C-alpha atoms as a PDB file:
ATOM      1  CA  MET A   1      -1.261  23.713   8.387  1.00  0.00           C
ATOM      2  CA  MET A   2       1.474  21.574   6.779  1.00  0.00           C
ATOM      3  CA  ASP A   3      -0.041  19.216   4.358  1.00  0.00           C
ATOM      4  CA  ARG A   4       1.304  15.335   4.603  1.00  0.00           C
ATOM      5  CA  ARG A   5       2.036  15.365   1.036  1.00  0.00           C
ATOM      6  CA  VAL A   6       4.610  18.412   1.446  1.00  0.00           C
ATOM      7  CA  LEU A   7       6.264  16.698   4.639  1.00  0.00           C
ATOM      8  CA  VAL A   8       6.660  13.530   2.566  1.00  0.00           C
ATOM      9  CA  ALA A   9       8.275  15.438  -0.294  1.00  0.00           C
ATOM     10  CA  TRP A  10      10.574  17.051   2.167  1.00  0.00           C
ATOM     11  CA  TYR A  11      11.575  13.661   3.081  1.00  0.00           C
ATOM     12  CA  VAL A  12      11.632  12.301  -0.216  1.00  0.00           C
ATOM     13  CA  LEU A  13      13.963  15.591  -1.363  1.00  0.00           C
ATOM     14  CA  ALA A  14      16.373  15.030   2.063  1.00  0.00           C
ATOM     15  CA  ASP A  15      16.814  11.210   0.929  1.00  0.00           C
ATOM     16  CA  LEU A  16      17.806  11.894  -2.513  1.00  0.00           C
ATOM     17  CA  VAL A  17      20.123  15.045  -1.506  1.00  0.00           C
ATOM     18  CA  SER A  18      21.920  13.088   1.339  1.00  0.00           C
ATOM     19  CA  GLY A  19      21.929   9.891  -1.200  1.00  0.00           C
ATOM     20  CA  ALA A  20      23.475  12.000  -4.199  1.00  0.00           C
ATOM     21  CA  THR A  21      25.918  13.776  -1.915  1.00  0.00           C
ATOM     22  CA  ALA A  22      27.341  10.756  -0.002  1.00  0.00           C
ATOM     23  CA  TRP A  23      27.849   8.948  -3.668  1.00  0.00           C
ATOM     24  CA  THR A  24      29.596  12.057  -4.622  1.00  0.00           C
ATOM     25  CA  LEU A  25      32.143  12.504  -1.496  1.00  0.00           C
ATOM     26  CA  PHE A  26      32.495   8.576  -1.723  1.00  0.00           C
ATOM     27  CA  TYR A  27      33.857   8.798  -5.432  1.00  0.00           C
ATOM     28  CA  LEU A  28      35.935  11.400  -4.199  1.00  0.00           C
ATOM     29  CA  TYR A  29      37.384   9.256  -1.623  1.00  0.00           C
ATOM     30  CA  ARG A  30      37.934   6.529  -3.735  1.00  0.00           C
ATOM     31  CA  LYS A  31      39.933   8.973  -6.550  1.00  0.00           C
ATOM     32  CA  ALA A  32      41.905  10.797  -3.651  1.00  0.00           C
ATOM     33  CA  VAL A  33      42.574   7.753  -1.189  1.00  0.00           C
ATOM     34  CA  LEU A  34      41.936   4.419  -2.555  1.00  0.00           C
ATOM     35  CA  GLU A  35      43.091   4.976  -5.959  1.00  0.00           C
ATOM     36  CA  PRO A  36      46.605   6.777  -5.512  1.00  0.00           C
ATOM     37  CA  VAL A  37      47.375   3.691  -3.127  1.00  0.00           C
ATOM     38  CA  LYS A  38      46.307   1.121  -5.929  1.00  0.00           C
ATOM     39  CA  PHE A  39      48.263   2.512  -8.889  1.00  0.00           C
ATOM     40  CA  GLY A  40      51.273   4.055  -7.310  1.00  0.00           C
ATOM     41  CA  TYR A  41      50.716   7.620  -8.241  1.00  0.00           C
ATOM     42  CA  ALA A  42      47.999  10.311  -7.921  1.00  0.00           C
ATOM     43  CA  VAL A  43      44.501   9.778  -9.795  1.00  0.00           C
ATOM     44  CA  PRO A  44      43.033  12.849 -11.350  1.00  0.00           C
ATOM     45  CA  VAL A  45      39.386  13.211 -10.225  1.00  0.00           C
ATOM     46  CA  ASP A  46      37.131  13.170 -13.313  1.00  0.00           C
ATOM     47  CA  PHE A  47      33.517  12.938 -13.395  1.00  0.00           C
ATOM     48  CA  ASP A  48      33.204  10.186 -15.825  1.00  0.00           C
ATOM     49  CA  ALA A  49      29.830   8.269 -17.165  1.00  0.00           C
ATOM     50  CA  ASN A  50      29.955   5.597 -14.608  1.00  0.00           C
ATOM     51  CA  TYR A  51      29.966   8.664 -11.493  1.00  0.00           C
ATOM     52  CA  PHE A  52      26.727  10.320 -13.368  1.00  0.00           C
ATOM     53  CA  LYS A  53      24.930   6.613 -13.657  1.00  0.00           C
ATOM     54  CA  GLY A  54      25.583   6.066  -9.881  1.00  0.00           C
ATOM     55  CA  LEU A  55      24.515   9.947  -9.198  1.00  0.00           C
ATOM     56  CA  VAL A  56      21.458   8.844 -10.260  1.00  0.00           C
ATOM     57  CA  LEU A  57      20.693   5.203  -9.827  1.00  0.00           C
ATOM     58  CA  VAL A  58      21.905   5.310  -6.110  1.00  0.00           C
ATOM     59  CA  PRO A  59      19.668   7.927  -4.741  1.00  0.00           C
ATOM     60  CA  LEU A  60      16.930   6.087  -6.626  1.00  0.00           C
ATOM     61  CA  PHE A  61      18.123   2.856  -4.764  1.00  0.00           C
ATOM     62  CA  TRP A  62      17.760   4.791  -1.406  1.00  0.00           C
ATOM     63  CA  PHE A  63      14.466   6.322  -2.121  1.00  0.00           C
ATOM     64  CA  GLY A  64      13.261   2.487  -2.853  1.00  0.00           C
ATOM     65  CA  LEU A  65      14.648   1.127   0.001  1.00  0.00           C
ATOM     66  CA  TYR A  66      12.854   3.645   2.074  1.00  0.00           C
ATOM     67  CA  THR A  67       9.803   3.255   0.659  1.00  0.00           C
ATOM     68  CA  MET A  68       9.885  -0.222   1.219  1.00  0.00           C
ATOM     69  CA  MET A  69      11.033   0.042   4.869  1.00  0.00           C
ATOM     70  CA  GLY A  70       7.860   2.356   5.339  1.00  0.00           C
ATOM     71  CA  GLY A  71      10.194   5.517   6.068  1.00  0.00           C
ATOM     72  CA  TYR A  72       7.317   7.623   4.500  1.00  0.00           C
ATOM     73  CA  ARG A  73       4.442   6.236   5.956  1.00  0.00           C
ATOM     74  CA  GLU A  74       2.581   7.957   9.092  1.00  0.00           C
ATOM     75  CA  ILE A  75       5.299  10.893   8.282  1.00  0.00           C
ATOM     76  CA  HIS A  76       3.228  12.815  11.154  1.00  0.00           C
ATOM     77  CA  ARG A  77       4.086  10.045  14.157  1.00  0.00           C
ATOM     78  CA  ARG A  78       7.722   9.871  13.590  1.00  0.00           C
ATOM     79  CA  TYR A  79       9.995  10.564  16.802  1.00  0.00           C
ATOM     80  CA  ARG A  80      13.852  10.969  17.011  1.00  0.00           C
ATOM     81  CA  THR A  81      14.477   7.711  18.229  1.00  0.00           C
ATOM     82  CA  MET A  82      12.911   5.858  15.845  1.00  0.00           C
ATOM     83  CA  GLU A  83      14.153   7.811  12.938  1.00  0.00           C
ATOM     84  CA  LEU A  84      17.966   7.175  14.598  1.00  0.00           C
ATOM     85  CA  GLY A  85      17.138   3.149  14.448  1.00  0.00           C
ATOM     86  CA  GLN A  86      15.729   3.288  11.202  1.00  0.00           C
ATOM     87  CA  THR A  87      18.091   5.246   9.489  1.00  0.00           C
ATOM     88  CA  LEU A  88      20.677   2.794  11.125  1.00  0.00           C
ATOM     89  CA  LEU A  89      18.800  -0.258   9.533  1.00  0.00           C
ATOM     90  CA  VAL A  90      18.240   1.046   6.435  1.00  0.00           C
ATOM     91  CA  SER A  91      21.879   2.640   5.868  1.00  0.00           C
ATOM     92  CA  PHE A  92      23.061  -0.640   6.625  1.00  0.00           C
ATOM     93  CA  LEU A  93      21.450  -2.613   4.662  1.00  0.00           C
ATOM     94  CA  GLY A  94      21.368  -0.463   1.488  1.00  0.00           C
ATOM     95  CA  VAL A  95      25.417   0.027   1.773  1.00  0.00           C
ATOM     96  CA  VAL A  96      25.690  -3.897   2.178  1.00  0.00           C
ATOM     97  CA  VAL A  97      23.843  -4.149  -0.761  1.00  0.00           C
ATOM     98  CA  ILE A  98      26.060  -1.316  -2.884  1.00  0.00           C
ATOM     99  CA  PHE A  99      29.199  -2.895  -1.674  1.00  0.00           C
ATOM    100  CA  PHE A 100      28.326  -6.278  -3.132  1.00  0.00           C
ATOM    101  CA  VAL A 101      26.593  -4.870  -6.255  1.00  0.00           C
ATOM    102  CA  LEU A 102      28.755  -2.186  -7.034  1.00  0.00           C
ATOM    103  CA  LEU A 103      32.207  -1.922  -4.920  1.00  0.00           C
ATOM    104  CA  LEU A 104      33.041  -5.779  -4.497  1.00  0.00           C
ATOM    105  CA  ASP A 105      34.608  -5.899  -8.010  1.00  0.00           C
ATOM    106  CA  ASP A 106      36.806  -2.962  -7.742  1.00  0.00           C
ATOM    107  CA  GLU A 107      40.624  -3.564  -7.881  1.00  0.00           C
ATOM    108  CA  VAL A 108      42.338  -2.598  -4.276  1.00  0.00           C
ATOM    109  CA  ALA A 109      45.760  -2.708  -3.304  1.00  0.00           C
ATOM    110  CA  ASP A 110      44.794  -4.530  -0.111  1.00  0.00           C
ATOM    111  CA  TYR A 111      41.752  -6.307   1.152  1.00  0.00           C
ATOM    112  CA  LYS A 112      41.452  -3.709   3.914  1.00  0.00           C
ATOM    113  CA  ASP A 113      40.352  -1.286   1.441  1.00  0.00           C
ATOM    114  CA  TYR A 114      37.188  -3.041   1.402  1.00  0.00           C
ATOM    115  CA  TYR A 115      36.539  -2.482   4.886  1.00  0.00           C
ATOM    116  CA  ARG A 116      37.446   1.254   4.736  1.00  0.00           C
ATOM    117  CA  SER A 117      35.201   1.525   1.446  1.00  0.00           C
ATOM    118  CA  PHE A 118      32.295   0.017   3.303  1.00  0.00           C
ATOM    119  CA  LEU A 119      32.603   2.281   6.844  1.00  0.00           C
ATOM    120  CA  VAL A 120      33.556   5.288   4.832  1.00  0.00           C
ATOM    121  CA  LEU A 121      30.162   4.925   2.496  1.00  0.00           C
ATOM    122  CA  PHE A 122      28.297   3.887   5.618  1.00  0.00           C
ATOM    123  CA  GLY A 123      29.551   6.752   7.670  1.00  0.00           C
ATOM    124  CA  LEU A 124      28.792   9.202   4.868  1.00  0.00           C
ATOM    125  CA  HIS A 125      25.245   8.096   3.989  1.00  0.00           C
ATOM    126  CA  PHE A 126      24.203   7.486   7.691  1.00  0.00           C
ATOM    127  CA  GLY A 127      25.492  10.720   8.576  1.00  0.00           C
ATOM    128  CA  LEU A 128      24.157  12.667   5.973  1.00  0.00           C
ATOM    129  CA  ASN A 129      20.705  11.175   5.869  1.00  0.00           C
ATOM    130  CA  PHE A 130      20.146  10.960   9.441  1.00  0.00           C
ATOM    131  CA  LEU A 131      21.106  14.398  10.096  1.00  0.00           C
ATOM    132  CA  LEU A 132      18.605  15.919   7.470  1.00  0.00           C
ATOM    133  CA  ARG A 133      15.960  13.252   8.605  1.00  0.00           C
ATOM    134  CA  PHE A 134      16.596  14.502  12.427  1.00  0.00           C
ATOM    135  CA  LEU A 135      16.254  17.880  11.477  1.00  0.00           C
ATOM    136  CA  LEU A 136      12.945  17.482   9.647  1.00  0.00           C
ATOM    137  CA  THR A 137      11.549  14.921  12.327  1.00  0.00           C
ATOM    138  CA  SER A 138      12.780  17.727  15.048  1.00  0.00           C
ATOM    139  CA  ARG A 139      10.634  20.235  12.992  1.00  0.00           C
ATOM    140  CA  THR A 140       7.412  17.942  12.936  1.00  0.00           C
ATOM    141  CA  VAL A 141       7.934  16.938  16.403  1.00  0.00           C
ATOM    142  CA  HIS A 142       7.619  20.754  17.155  1.00  0.00           C
ATOM    143  CA  LEU A 143       4.745  21.357  15.130  1.00  0.00           C
ATOM    144  CA  VAL A 144       2.937  18.516  16.430  1.00  0.00           C
ATOM    145  CA  HIS A 145       3.589  19.698  20.248  1.00  0.00           C
ATOM    146  CA  ARG A 146       2.477  23.385  18.702  1.00  0.00           C
ATOM    147  CA  ARG A 147      -0.685  21.766  17.480  1.00  0.00           C
ATOM    148  CA  ARG A 148       0.058  23.111  13.503  1.00  0.00           C
ATOM    149  CA  ILE A 149      -0.016  19.410  12.627  1.00  0.00           C
ATOM    150  CA  GLY A 150      -3.060  17.223  13.869  1.00  0.00           C
ATOM    151  CA  ILE A 151      -2.893  13.326  14.251  1.00  0.00           C
ATOM    152  CA  ARG A 152      -6.438  11.930  13.634  1.00  0.00           C
ATOM    153  CA  ARG A 153      -6.886   9.890  16.679  1.00  0.00           C
ATOM    154  CA  LEU A 154     -10.405   7.917  17.823  1.00  0.00           C
ATOM    155  CA  LEU A 155     -10.292   7.969  21.836  1.00  0.00           C
ATOM    156  CA  CYS A 156     -12.459   5.665  23.425  1.00  0.00           C
ATOM    157  CA  HIS A 157     -12.622   4.566  27.204  1.00  0.00           C
ATOM    158  CA  GLY A 158     -15.169   2.460  28.963  1.00  0.00           C
ATOM    159  CA  THR A 159     -16.212  -1.390  29.080  1.00  0.00           C
ATOM    160  CA  SER A 160     -17.465  -3.140  26.065  1.00  0.00           C
ATOM    161  CA  THR A 161     -20.423  -3.471  28.057  1.00  0.00           C
ATOM    162  CA  GLN A 162     -21.098   0.160  28.078  1.00  0.00           C
ATOM    163  CA  PHE A 163     -20.508   0.241  24.437  1.00  0.00           C
ATOM    164  CA  GLY A 164     -23.189  -2.296  24.285  1.00  0.00           C
ATOM    165  CA  GLN A 165     -25.638  -0.113  26.204  1.00  0.00           C
ATOM    166  CA  ARG A 166     -24.834   2.700  23.799  1.00  0.00           C
ATOM    167  CA  ARG A 167     -25.509   0.917  20.852  1.00  0.00           C
ATOM    168  CA  ASP A 168     -29.033   0.060  22.355  1.00  0.00           C
ATOM    169  CA  ARG A 169     -29.841   3.429  22.806  1.00  0.00           C
ATOM    170  CA  VAL A 170     -29.034   4.957  19.672  1.00  0.00           C
ATOM    171  CA  HIS A 171     -30.354   2.177  17.332  1.00  0.00           C
ATOM    172  CA  HIS A 172     -27.717   2.146  14.948  1.00  0.00           C
ATOM    173  CA  PRO A 173     -24.691  -0.077  14.900  1.00  0.00           C
ATOM    174  CA  VAL A 174     -21.487   1.521  16.702  1.00  0.00           C
ATOM    175  CA  ARG A 175     -18.033  -0.273  16.253  1.00  0.00           C
ATOM    176  CA  ILE A 176     -16.001  -1.322  19.442  1.00  0.00           C
ATOM    177  CA  VAL A 177     -12.669   0.108  19.262  1.00  0.00           C
ATOM    178  CA  GLY A 178     -11.364  -0.910  22.446  1.00  0.00           C
ATOM    179  CA  GLY A 179     -12.793  -1.503  26.096  1.00  0.00           C
ATOM    180  CA  GLY A 180     -11.054  -1.220  29.764  1.00  0.00           C
ATOM    181  CA  GLY A 181     -12.350  -4.904  30.339  1.00  0.00           C
ATOM    182  CA  GLY A 182     -15.560  -6.065  31.592  1.00  0.00           C
ATOM    183  CA  ALA A 183     -18.002  -8.496  30.374  1.00  0.00           C
ATOM    184  CA  PRO A 184     -18.964  -8.876  26.549  1.00  0.00           C
ATOM    185  CA  PRO A 185     -22.364  -7.493  25.756  1.00  0.00           C
END
């Protein structure tokens, strides 16, 4: 059996790694593609203090955003299409925030470079993050189907009248969770 905390740790690690990798690739894109157009000459790629600040803060931002959006809750109940939708939403919201906080004050040769920056950052982050989350979710779904991971459930069937009759026989309170209709007790 895989412990829930271990599985959550894998998701957190995947989000941190994909966030750091996407930020690094985006930094390289800016240095290799955008800045030479702006300055008119090849800009050397140097990993300065700003890069390292971003390398720490940007993945932590993604972790916080996924935490706020519930990306680590009920980890055993995830499915691949839900992962796609949530990753699209979180990636879009996160890239919008990063764009307005970190990138909008950059000097660019043409305003279209802002659009390119946005799309490249979104594509890198979404692609890497979804790939890792898809693999983790596929593994989790596989383990659930093979009954290696269990999901706690309370299944109740019957009418609320039947639950009431059961309560009378047992002589201690029974919480009515659900029912199939019928008159209340």
